[in-house]
Amino acid sequence: EIAVEKQAFLSGDYYPYITYDCYSSSPRDGGVRHKVIDLKDGKWDLIELPNITAEQVKRYYTQTQGRGYDWWGMLGIAFGIQQKRSRYFCSEWCFNLIKNGDEGWRFSPNHLAAIFRRGAKSDYSARS
């Protein structure tokens, strides 16, 4: 999941209202998607990605929007099954965005977190 923090000030409010636009490929949502998710519920491990901008995330999302979820590719991590280039599983989509490449099919979500957690010092992803 790639989360882009958004801040808004509600009328008369001195403190920002923070939401997160989240981008990924989800089996529940049928593939590549964008949605607002409550990241304060404790279910998320957030890793700062200082070299990724909100514009990069939105651009990659626009390029891949509507692509299906890659069940075979996800299984391929464990069983060596060939991935489908026209579809993405969650960590594959995120890695391809972050590295501007197409090698994300090699990494599980845990591998991806381990790779990018090194040196992370904050609790957020991309910022707009």
N, C-alpha and C. Protein backbone atom coordinates (compact mmCIF):
# COMPACT_ATOMS: atom_id res chain seq x y z
N GLU A 1 0.85 -1.18 0.00
CA GLU A 1 0.00 0.00 0.00
C GLU A 1 0.89 1.24 0.00
N ILE A 2 0.65 2.16 -0.89
CA ILE A 2 1.34 3.44 -0.89
C ILE A 2 0.34 4.47 -0.38
N ALA A 3 0.69 5.16 0.70
CA ALA A 3 -0.22 6.13 1.31
C ALA A 3 0.30 7.54 1.08
N VAL A 4 -0.57 8.40 0.58
CA VAL A 4 -0.24 9.81 0.36
C VAL A 4 -1.03 10.62 1.38
N GLU A 5 -0.31 11.31 2.26
CA GLU A 5 -0.96 12.11 3.30
C GLU A 5 -1.55 13.37 2.70
N LYS A 6 -2.79 13.68 3.10
CA LYS A 6 -3.45 14.93 2.69
C LYS A 6 -3.90 15.66 3.94
N GLN A 7 -3.66 16.96 3.97
CA GLN A 7 -4.09 17.78 5.09
C GLN A 7 -5.11 18.80 4.60
N ALA A 8 -6.16 18.96 5.37
CA ALA A 8 -7.18 19.97 5.06
C ALA A 8 -7.58 20.64 6.37
N PHE A 9 -7.89 21.91 6.28
CA PHE A 9 -8.38 22.64 7.45
C PHE A 9 -9.88 22.83 7.28
N LEU A 10 -10.63 22.31 8.22
CA LEU A 10 -12.07 22.47 8.18
C LEU A 10 -12.39 23.88 8.63
N SER A 11 -13.52 24.40 8.25
CA SER A 11 -13.84 25.81 8.55
C SER A 11 -13.73 26.08 10.05
N GLY A 12 -12.95 27.09 10.38
CA GLY A 12 -12.78 27.49 11.77
C GLY A 12 -11.86 26.60 12.58
N ASP A 13 -11.29 25.59 11.97
CA ASP A 13 -10.44 24.65 12.69
C ASP A 13 -8.98 25.07 12.56
N TYR A 14 -8.25 25.05 13.67
CA TYR A 14 -6.83 25.43 13.66
C TYR A 14 -5.90 24.25 13.43
N TYR A 15 -6.43 23.06 13.53
CA TYR A 15 -5.62 21.86 13.36
C TYR A 15 -6.03 21.16 12.08
N PRO A 16 -5.05 20.65 11.36
CA PRO A 16 -5.39 20.01 10.08
C PRO A 16 -6.13 18.69 10.28
N TYR A 17 -7.02 18.43 9.36
CA TYR A 17 -7.70 17.14 9.28
C TYR A 17 -6.88 16.32 8.31
N ILE A 18 -6.32 15.20 8.77
CA ILE A 18 -5.41 14.41 7.94
C ILE A 18 -6.11 13.15 7.44
N THR A 19 -6.02 12.93 6.14
CA THR A 19 -6.51 11.71 5.52
C THR A 19 -5.38 11.11 4.69
N TYR A 20 -5.55 9.87 4.28
CA TYR A 20 -4.54 9.19 3.46
C TYR A 20 -5.21 8.61 2.23
N ASP A 21 -4.73 9.05 1.06
CA ASP A 21 -5.12 8.42 -0.19
C ASP A 21 -4.19 7.23 -0.37
N CYS A 22 -4.76 6.05 -0.49
CA CYS A 22 -3.96 4.83 -0.57
C CYS A 22 -4.07 4.20 -1.95
N TYR A 23 -2.94 3.75 -2.45
CA TYR A 23 -2.85 3.18 -3.79
C TYR A 23 -2.17 1.82 -3.70
N SER A 24 -2.69 0.84 -4.44
CA SER A 24 -2.09 -0.48 -4.46
C SER A 24 -2.87 -1.34 -5.44
N SER A 25 -2.59 -2.63 -5.40
CA SER A 25 -3.40 -3.60 -6.12
C SER A 25 -3.96 -4.55 -5.07
N SER A 26 -5.25 -4.67 -5.04
CA SER A 26 -5.92 -5.42 -3.98
C SER A 26 -6.83 -6.50 -4.56
N PRO A 27 -6.74 -7.73 -4.04
CA PRO A 27 -7.67 -8.77 -4.52
C PRO A 27 -9.12 -8.43 -4.16
N ARG A 28 -9.30 -7.79 -3.02
CA ARG A 28 -10.64 -7.43 -2.56
C ARG A 28 -11.31 -6.43 -3.51
N ASP A 29 -10.49 -5.55 -4.11
CA ASP A 29 -11.02 -4.52 -5.00
C ASP A 29 -10.80 -4.85 -6.47
N GLY A 30 -10.32 -6.05 -6.78
CA GLY A 30 -10.20 -6.49 -8.17
C GLY A 30 -8.95 -6.06 -8.90
N GLY A 31 -8.01 -5.45 -8.21
CA GLY A 31 -6.76 -5.05 -8.86
C GLY A 31 -6.31 -3.67 -8.43
N VAL A 32 -5.67 -2.96 -9.35
CA VAL A 32 -5.11 -1.64 -9.05
C VAL A 32 -6.25 -0.69 -8.68
N ARG A 33 -6.08 -0.01 -7.54
CA ARG A 33 -7.14 0.88 -7.07
C ARG A 33 -6.58 1.99 -6.19
N HIS A 34 -7.45 2.97 -5.96
CA HIS A 34 -7.17 4.11 -5.08
C HIS A 34 -8.36 4.22 -4.13
N LYS A 35 -8.09 4.39 -2.84
CA LYS A 35 -9.16 4.61 -1.89
C LYS A 35 -8.61 5.27 -0.64
N VAL A 36 -9.48 5.89 0.11
CA VAL A 36 -9.10 6.49 1.39
C VAL A 36 -9.23 5.40 2.45
N ILE A 37 -8.16 5.20 3.22
CA ILE A 37 -8.14 4.16 4.25
C ILE A 37 -7.75 4.80 5.57
N ASP A 38 -8.39 4.35 6.66
CA ASP A 38 -8.04 4.82 8.00
C ASP A 38 -6.76 4.11 8.43
N LEU A 39 -5.65 4.82 8.42
CA LEU A 39 -4.37 4.22 8.78
C LEU A 39 -4.08 4.30 10.27
N LYS A 40 -5.01 4.85 11.04
CA LYS A 40 -4.80 4.99 12.48
C LYS A 40 -5.35 3.80 13.26
N ASP A 41 -5.82 2.78 12.57
CA ASP A 41 -6.45 1.65 13.26
C ASP A 41 -5.44 0.62 13.76
N GLY A 42 -4.15 0.86 13.56
CA GLY A 42 -3.13 -0.04 14.08
C GLY A 42 -2.81 -1.24 13.21
N LYS A 43 -3.43 -1.37 12.05
CA LYS A 43 -3.22 -2.52 11.18
C LYS A 43 -2.08 -2.30 10.18
N TRP A 44 -1.49 -1.11 10.20
CA TRP A 44 -0.53 -0.74 9.15
C TRP A 44 0.85 -0.47 9.72
N ASP A 45 1.87 -0.94 9.03
CA ASP A 45 3.25 -0.57 9.31
C ASP A 45 3.64 0.44 8.25
N LEU A 46 3.81 1.69 8.65
CA LEU A 46 4.10 2.75 7.69
C LEU A 46 5.60 3.03 7.63
N ILE A 47 6.11 3.14 6.42
CA ILE A 47 7.53 3.38 6.18
C ILE A 47 7.65 4.62 5.30
N GLU A 48 8.45 5.58 5.74
CA GLU A 48 8.63 6.80 4.95
C GLU A 48 9.35 6.48 3.64
N LEU A 49 8.88 7.08 2.57
CA LEU A 49 9.52 6.96 1.26
C LEU A 49 9.86 8.38 0.80
N PRO A 50 10.98 8.93 1.28
CA PRO A 50 11.27 10.34 1.03
C PRO A 50 11.52 10.70 -0.43
N ASN A 51 11.84 9.73 -1.26
CA ASN A 51 12.14 10.02 -2.67
C ASN A 51 10.96 9.83 -3.60
N ILE A 52 9.78 9.58 -3.04
CA ILE A 52 8.57 9.39 -3.84
C ILE A 52 7.64 10.56 -3.57
N THR A 53 7.15 11.18 -4.63
CA THR A 53 6.23 12.31 -4.48
C THR A 53 4.80 11.86 -4.76
N ALA A 54 3.86 12.64 -4.29
CA ALA A 54 2.45 12.36 -4.55
C ALA A 54 2.19 12.35 -6.06
N GLU A 55 2.86 13.23 -6.80
CA GLU A 55 2.67 13.30 -8.25
C GLU A 55 3.13 12.01 -8.92
N GLN A 56 4.25 11.43 -8.46
CA GLN A 56 4.73 10.16 -9.02
C GLN A 56 3.71 9.05 -8.76
N VAL A 57 3.16 9.02 -7.56
CA VAL A 57 2.18 7.99 -7.21
C VAL A 57 0.96 8.12 -8.11
N LYS A 58 0.45 9.33 -8.26
CA LYS A 58 -0.75 9.55 -9.07
C LYS A 58 -0.50 9.22 -10.54
N ARG A 59 0.69 9.56 -11.04
CA ARG A 59 1.03 9.28 -12.43
C ARG A 59 1.07 7.76 -12.69
N TYR A 60 1.73 7.02 -11.80
CA TYR A 60 1.81 5.57 -11.96
C TYR A 60 0.43 4.93 -11.82
N TYR A 61 -0.34 5.44 -10.88
CA TYR A 61 -1.71 4.94 -10.73
C TYR A 61 -2.50 5.14 -12.02
N THR A 62 -2.40 6.31 -12.62
CA THR A 62 -3.12 6.60 -13.87
C THR A 62 -2.69 5.63 -14.97
N GLN A 63 -1.41 5.29 -15.03
CA GLN A 63 -0.90 4.37 -16.04
C GLN A 63 -1.40 2.95 -15.85
N THR A 64 -1.66 2.56 -14.61
CA THR A 64 -2.00 1.16 -14.31
C THR A 64 -3.43 0.97 -13.82
N GLN A 65 -4.17 2.04 -13.68
CA GLN A 65 -5.55 1.98 -13.17
C GLN A 65 -6.38 0.98 -13.96
N GLY A 66 -7.13 0.16 -13.24
CA GLY A 66 -8.01 -0.81 -13.88
C GLY A 66 -7.37 -2.15 -14.19
N ARG A 67 -6.06 -2.27 -14.01
CA ARG A 67 -5.40 -3.55 -14.24
C ARG A 67 -5.83 -4.51 -13.13
N GLY A 68 -6.01 -5.76 -13.48
CA GLY A 68 -6.49 -6.76 -12.53
C GLY A 68 -5.45 -7.20 -11.52
N TYR A 69 -5.93 -7.93 -10.52
CA TYR A 69 -5.05 -8.48 -9.50
C TYR A 69 -4.36 -9.72 -10.05
N ASP A 70 -3.07 -9.87 -9.80
CA ASP A 70 -2.28 -10.98 -10.34
C ASP A 70 -2.17 -12.12 -9.32
N TRP A 71 -3.21 -12.96 -9.29
CA TRP A 71 -3.20 -14.10 -8.37
C TRP A 71 -2.04 -15.05 -8.68
N TRP A 72 -1.80 -15.33 -9.96
CA TRP A 72 -0.73 -16.25 -10.34
C TRP A 72 0.63 -15.69 -9.94
N GLY A 73 0.82 -14.40 -10.12
CA GLY A 73 2.08 -13.78 -9.73
C GLY A 73 2.31 -13.84 -8.23
N MET A 74 1.23 -13.63 -7.47
CA MET A 74 1.35 -13.72 -6.01
C MET A 74 1.75 -15.13 -5.61
N LEU A 75 1.12 -16.12 -6.21
CA LEU A 75 1.47 -17.51 -5.92
C LEU A 75 2.86 -17.85 -6.43
N GLY A 76 3.27 -17.16 -7.49
CA GLY A 76 4.58 -17.41 -8.08
C GLY A 76 5.73 -17.13 -7.14
N ILE A 77 5.55 -16.23 -6.18
CA ILE A 77 6.60 -15.95 -5.20
C ILE A 77 6.98 -17.24 -4.47
N ALA A 78 5.98 -18.02 -4.11
CA ALA A 78 6.23 -19.24 -3.35
C ALA A 78 6.47 -20.46 -4.24
N PHE A 79 5.77 -20.51 -5.39
CA PHE A 79 5.79 -21.73 -6.19
C PHE A 79 6.47 -21.60 -7.55
N GLY A 80 7.03 -20.45 -7.85
CA GLY A 80 7.73 -20.26 -9.12
C GLY A 80 6.82 -20.19 -10.33
N ILE A 81 5.58 -19.78 -10.15
CA ILE A 81 4.63 -19.66 -11.26
C ILE A 81 4.88 -18.34 -11.98
N GLN A 82 4.80 -18.37 -13.30
CA GLN A 82 5.04 -17.18 -14.12
C GLN A 82 4.01 -16.10 -13.80
N GLN A 83 4.48 -14.89 -13.64
CA GLN A 83 3.58 -13.76 -13.38
C GLN A 83 2.97 -13.25 -14.68
N LYS A 84 1.89 -12.50 -14.57
CA LYS A 84 1.20 -11.94 -15.73
C LYS A 84 1.50 -10.45 -15.77
N ARG A 85 2.16 -9.99 -16.83
CA ARG A 85 2.63 -8.60 -16.90
C ARG A 85 1.51 -7.57 -16.96
N SER A 86 0.32 -7.97 -17.33
CA SER A 86 -0.78 -7.01 -17.43
C SER A 86 -1.56 -6.89 -16.12
N ARG A 87 -1.14 -7.61 -15.09
CA ARG A 87 -1.80 -7.59 -13.78
C ARG A 87 -0.74 -7.38 -12.69
N TYR A 88 -1.21 -7.00 -11.51
CA TYR A 88 -0.28 -6.73 -10.40
C TYR A 88 -0.82 -7.30 -9.10
N PHE A 89 0.07 -7.81 -8.25
CA PHE A 89 -0.31 -8.06 -6.86
C PHE A 89 0.26 -6.91 -6.03
N CYS A 90 -0.13 -6.82 -4.77
CA CYS A 90 0.09 -5.60 -3.97
C CYS A 90 1.54 -5.15 -3.92
N SER A 91 2.45 -5.99 -3.47
CA SER A 91 3.84 -5.55 -3.32
C SER A 91 4.51 -5.36 -4.68
N GLU A 92 4.07 -6.08 -5.69
CA GLU A 92 4.60 -5.90 -7.04
C GLU A 92 4.31 -4.48 -7.53
N TRP A 93 3.05 -4.05 -7.38
CA TRP A 93 2.66 -2.71 -7.83
C TRP A 93 3.47 -1.65 -7.07
N CYS A 94 3.60 -1.81 -5.76
CA CYS A 94 4.32 -0.83 -4.94
C CYS A 94 5.80 -0.77 -5.32
N PHE A 95 6.45 -1.92 -5.47
CA PHE A 95 7.87 -1.94 -5.83
C PHE A 95 8.08 -1.28 -7.19
N ASN A 96 7.25 -1.62 -8.16
CA ASN A 96 7.41 -1.05 -9.50
C ASN A 96 7.29 0.48 -9.47
N LEU A 97 6.38 0.99 -8.66
CA LEU A 97 6.26 2.44 -8.51
C LEU A 97 7.52 3.02 -7.86
N ILE A 98 7.92 2.47 -6.74
CA ILE A 98 9.04 3.01 -5.98
C ILE A 98 10.33 2.99 -6.78
N LYS A 99 10.58 1.91 -7.49
CA LYS A 99 11.83 1.75 -8.23
C LYS A 99 11.71 2.09 -9.71
N ASN A 100 10.52 2.51 -10.13
CA ASN A 100 10.29 2.85 -11.54
C ASN A 100 10.78 1.73 -12.45
N GLY A 101 10.33 0.52 -12.15
CA GLY A 101 10.79 -0.65 -12.89
C GLY A 101 9.70 -1.69 -13.03
N ASP A 102 10.12 -2.92 -13.32
CA ASP A 102 9.15 -4.00 -13.50
C ASP A 102 9.60 -5.30 -12.82
N GLU A 103 10.40 -5.18 -11.79
CA GLU A 103 10.91 -6.36 -11.08
C GLU A 103 10.16 -6.65 -9.79
N GLY A 104 9.05 -5.98 -9.55
CA GLY A 104 8.31 -6.14 -8.31
C GLY A 104 7.73 -7.52 -8.10
N TRP A 105 7.57 -8.29 -9.17
CA TRP A 105 7.03 -9.64 -9.05
C TRP A 105 7.92 -10.55 -8.21
N ARG A 106 9.14 -10.13 -7.96
CA ARG A 106 10.09 -10.95 -7.20
C ARG A 106 9.91 -10.85 -5.68
N PHE A 107 9.10 -9.89 -5.22
CA PHE A 107 9.09 -9.57 -3.80
C PHE A 107 7.72 -9.73 -3.16
N SER A 108 7.71 -10.40 -2.01
CA SER A 108 6.49 -10.50 -1.20
C SER A 108 6.33 -9.20 -0.42
N PRO A 109 5.17 -8.97 0.19
CA PRO A 109 5.01 -7.79 1.03
C PRO A 109 6.06 -7.72 2.15
N ASN A 110 6.40 -8.85 2.75
CA ASN A 110 7.40 -8.85 3.82
C ASN A 110 8.79 -8.50 3.29
N HIS A 111 9.13 -9.02 2.11
CA HIS A 111 10.42 -8.65 1.50
C HIS A 111 10.47 -7.15 1.22
N LEU A 112 9.38 -6.64 0.67
CA LEU A 112 9.32 -5.22 0.33
C LEU A 112 9.50 -4.35 1.58
N ALA A 113 8.82 -4.70 2.65
CA ALA A 113 8.94 -3.94 3.90
C ALA A 113 10.37 -3.99 4.42
N ALA A 114 11.00 -5.16 4.37
CA ALA A 114 12.38 -5.29 4.86
C ALA A 114 13.34 -4.44 4.04
N ILE A 115 13.14 -4.41 2.73
CA ILE A 115 14.01 -3.63 1.85
C ILE A 115 13.92 -2.15 2.18
N PHE A 116 12.71 -1.63 2.33
CA PHE A 116 12.53 -0.19 2.49
C PHE A 116 12.50 0.28 3.93
N ARG A 117 12.44 -0.63 4.88
CA ARG A 117 12.45 -0.24 6.29
C ARG A 117 13.84 0.22 6.71
N ARG A 118 14.86 -0.29 6.07
CA ARG A 118 16.24 0.10 6.41
C ARG A 118 16.38 1.61 6.28
N GLY A 119 16.73 2.25 7.35
CA GLY A 119 16.93 3.69 7.33
C GLY A 119 15.67 4.51 7.53
N ALA A 120 14.50 3.88 7.60
CA ALA A 120 13.25 4.63 7.79
C ALA A 120 13.19 5.14 9.22
N LYS A 121 12.77 6.39 9.37
CA LYS A 121 12.73 6.98 10.70
C LYS A 121 11.37 7.56 11.05
N SER A 122 10.43 7.56 10.10
CA SER A 122 9.13 8.19 10.34
C SER A 122 8.00 7.20 10.16
N ASP A 123 6.80 7.66 10.45
CA ASP A 123 5.61 6.83 10.34
C ASP A 123 4.68 7.30 9.23
N TYR A 124 5.19 7.60 8.08
CA TYR A 124 4.32 7.98 6.98
C TYR A 124 4.98 7.62 5.66
N SER A 125 4.20 7.65 4.59
CA SER A 125 4.73 7.29 3.28
C SER A 125 4.98 8.54 2.47
N ALA A 126 4.35 8.68 1.32
CA ALA A 126 4.57 9.86 0.48
C ALA A 126 3.76 11.03 1.01
N ARG A 127 4.22 12.22 0.77
CA ARG A 127 3.50 13.43 1.19
C ARG A 127 3.15 14.25 -0.02
N SER A 128 1.97 14.86 0.02
CA SER A 128 1.58 15.73 -1.10
C SER A 128 2.03 17.14 -0.84
